[in-house]
Amino acid sequence: MLTATSIIGDDVLNEKDEKIGVIKDIMLDIRRGFIDYVVVECSGFLGFDEKFFAIPFSSLHIRQSRKAFVLTNGSELLKKAPGFDKAHWPDTNSHSYAQAKGFWDDNFMGPSAGFSF
């Protein structure tokens, strides 16, 4: 079991153990009781200046030996994924957020299962 604060600040790696970002925040689905997305900052990685991505927590795998999470095909997915900047977080009730969710659902074959707690 992990605390939310222990996840914030953890690295996100691709399958080659290369750092592609850092977890900056967690988005919870309060009604269903699980972590829905983690917000990953990719500043300085993959050629991004300062870009954030809401990535389904269910698409990450823990790498305990590195205190990090792995996103399979992460480098390639993030190059195509919808992102946002620090000053303009998505409205989770808007159409643009639904498009971002659709991107991840399409790339992971089905809706996010989340991580129950």
Protein backbone atom coordinates (compact mmCIF):
# COMPACT_ATOMS: atom_id res chain seq x y z
CA MET A 1 0.00 0.00 0.00
CA LEU A 2 1.26 3.49 -0.86
CA THR A 3 0.35 6.94 0.36
CA ALA A 4 -0.55 9.58 -2.20
CA THR A 5 2.36 11.75 -1.10
CA SER A 6 4.80 8.88 -1.60
CA ILE A 7 3.82 8.67 -5.29
CA ILE A 8 4.10 12.40 -5.99
CA GLY A 9 7.66 13.09 -7.11
CA ASP A 10 8.31 9.55 -8.35
CA ASP A 11 9.89 9.18 -11.77
CA VAL A 12 8.06 7.76 -14.76
CA LEU A 13 10.25 5.60 -16.98
CA ASN A 14 9.85 4.05 -20.39
CA GLU A 15 10.40 0.33 -20.89
CA LYS A 16 14.15 0.98 -21.37
CA ASP A 17 14.34 2.49 -17.85
CA GLU A 18 14.85 5.98 -19.32
CA LYS A 19 13.25 8.80 -17.34
CA ILE A 20 10.41 10.42 -19.29
CA GLY A 21 8.74 12.42 -16.53
CA VAL A 22 7.86 12.99 -12.89
CA ILE A 23 4.51 12.47 -11.14
CA LYS A 24 3.29 15.90 -10.02
CA ASP A 25 -0.27 15.20 -8.88
CA ILE A 26 -2.96 12.55 -8.54
CA MET A 27 -6.54 12.69 -9.84
CA LEU A 28 -8.97 10.63 -7.76
CA ASP A 29 -12.34 9.23 -8.72
CA ILE A 30 -13.99 9.85 -5.37
CA ARG A 31 -17.30 8.19 -6.28
CA ARG A 32 -15.68 4.92 -7.32
CA GLY A 33 -12.80 5.06 -4.85
CA PHE A 34 -9.64 4.82 -6.92
CA ILE A 35 -6.77 6.74 -8.47
CA ASP A 36 -7.93 7.54 -11.99
CA TYR A 37 -4.97 9.50 -13.39
CA VAL A 38 -1.56 10.73 -12.38
CA VAL A 39 -0.38 14.07 -13.71
CA VAL A 40 3.09 13.67 -15.17
CA GLU A 41 5.38 16.59 -15.96
CA CYS A 42 7.71 16.00 -18.89
CA SER A 43 9.72 19.24 -18.70
CA GLY A 44 13.15 18.67 -20.16
CA PHE A 45 12.29 15.16 -21.32
CA LEU A 46 11.43 14.10 -24.87
CA GLY A 47 12.10 17.65 -26.08
CA PHE A 48 9.21 19.18 -24.09
CA ASP A 49 9.77 22.58 -22.46
CA GLU A 50 7.04 22.30 -19.84
CA LYS A 51 4.24 19.91 -20.65
CA PHE A 52 1.92 17.92 -18.43
CA PHE A 53 -0.05 14.76 -19.19
CA ALA A 54 -2.91 13.09 -17.33
CA ILE A 55 -1.99 9.42 -17.63
CA PRO A 56 -4.30 6.63 -16.42
CA PHE A 57 -2.78 5.13 -13.29
CA SER A 58 -3.79 1.68 -14.53
CA SER A 59 -1.38 2.08 -17.47
CA LEU A 60 1.63 2.34 -15.14
CA HIS A 61 3.57 -0.50 -13.56
CA ILE A 62 5.60 -0.03 -10.40
CA ARG A 63 9.37 -0.50 -10.55
CA GLN A 64 10.19 -0.86 -6.85
CA SER A 65 13.94 -1.16 -7.41
CA ARG A 66 13.97 2.40 -8.82
CA LYS A 67 11.07 3.91 -6.76
CA ALA A 68 9.51 4.67 -10.11
CA PHE A 69 6.67 3.75 -12.43
CA VAL A 70 6.98 2.40 -15.98
CA LEU A 71 4.79 3.43 -18.91
CA THR A 72 5.23 0.84 -21.67
CA ASN A 73 5.87 2.60 -24.99
CA GLY A 74 5.86 5.80 -22.93
CA SER A 75 8.17 7.85 -25.13
CA GLU A 76 6.14 7.14 -28.25
CA LEU A 77 2.76 7.56 -26.56
CA LEU A 78 3.64 10.91 -24.98
CA LYS A 79 4.78 12.31 -28.33
CA LYS A 80 1.20 11.77 -29.59
CA ALA A 81 -0.80 12.24 -26.39
CA PRO A 82 -2.84 15.36 -25.63
CA GLY A 83 -1.13 17.39 -22.94
CA PHE A 84 -1.48 20.73 -21.19
CA ASP A 85 0.69 23.40 -19.62
CA LYS A 86 1.02 24.25 -15.94
CA ALA A 87 -1.25 27.30 -16.16
CA HIS A 88 -4.06 25.60 -18.12
CA TRP A 89 -5.13 22.35 -16.50
CA PRO A 90 -8.00 20.56 -18.26
CA ASP A 91 -11.56 20.89 -17.06
CA THR A 92 -12.53 17.30 -16.32
CA ASN A 93 -16.10 18.07 -17.38
CA SER A 94 -15.12 19.40 -20.82
CA HIS A 95 -15.07 17.82 -24.27
CA SER A 96 -11.27 18.23 -24.53
CA TYR A 97 -10.79 16.11 -21.39
CA ALA A 98 -13.02 13.43 -22.91
CA GLN A 99 -10.77 13.42 -25.99
CA ALA A 100 -7.68 12.94 -23.81
CA LYS A 101 -9.37 10.07 -21.99
CA GLY A 102 -10.26 8.55 -25.36
CA PHE A 103 -6.62 8.66 -26.44
CA TRP A 104 -5.51 6.59 -23.47
CA ASP A 105 -8.49 4.23 -23.68
CA ASP A 106 -7.69 3.56 -27.35
CA ASN A 107 -4.01 2.93 -26.61
CA PHE A 108 -4.63 0.60 -23.69
CA MET A 109 -7.58 -1.33 -25.17
CA GLY A 110 -10.41 -0.31 -22.92
CA PRO A 111 -11.34 2.15 -20.22
CA SER A 112 -9.05 2.81 -17.30
CA ALA A 113 -9.61 0.30 -14.54
CA GLY A 114 -8.03 2.59 -11.99
CA PHE A 115 -6.31 1.51 -8.82
CA SER A 116 -8.61 0.76 -5.90
CA PHE A 117 -7.82 1.68 -2.35
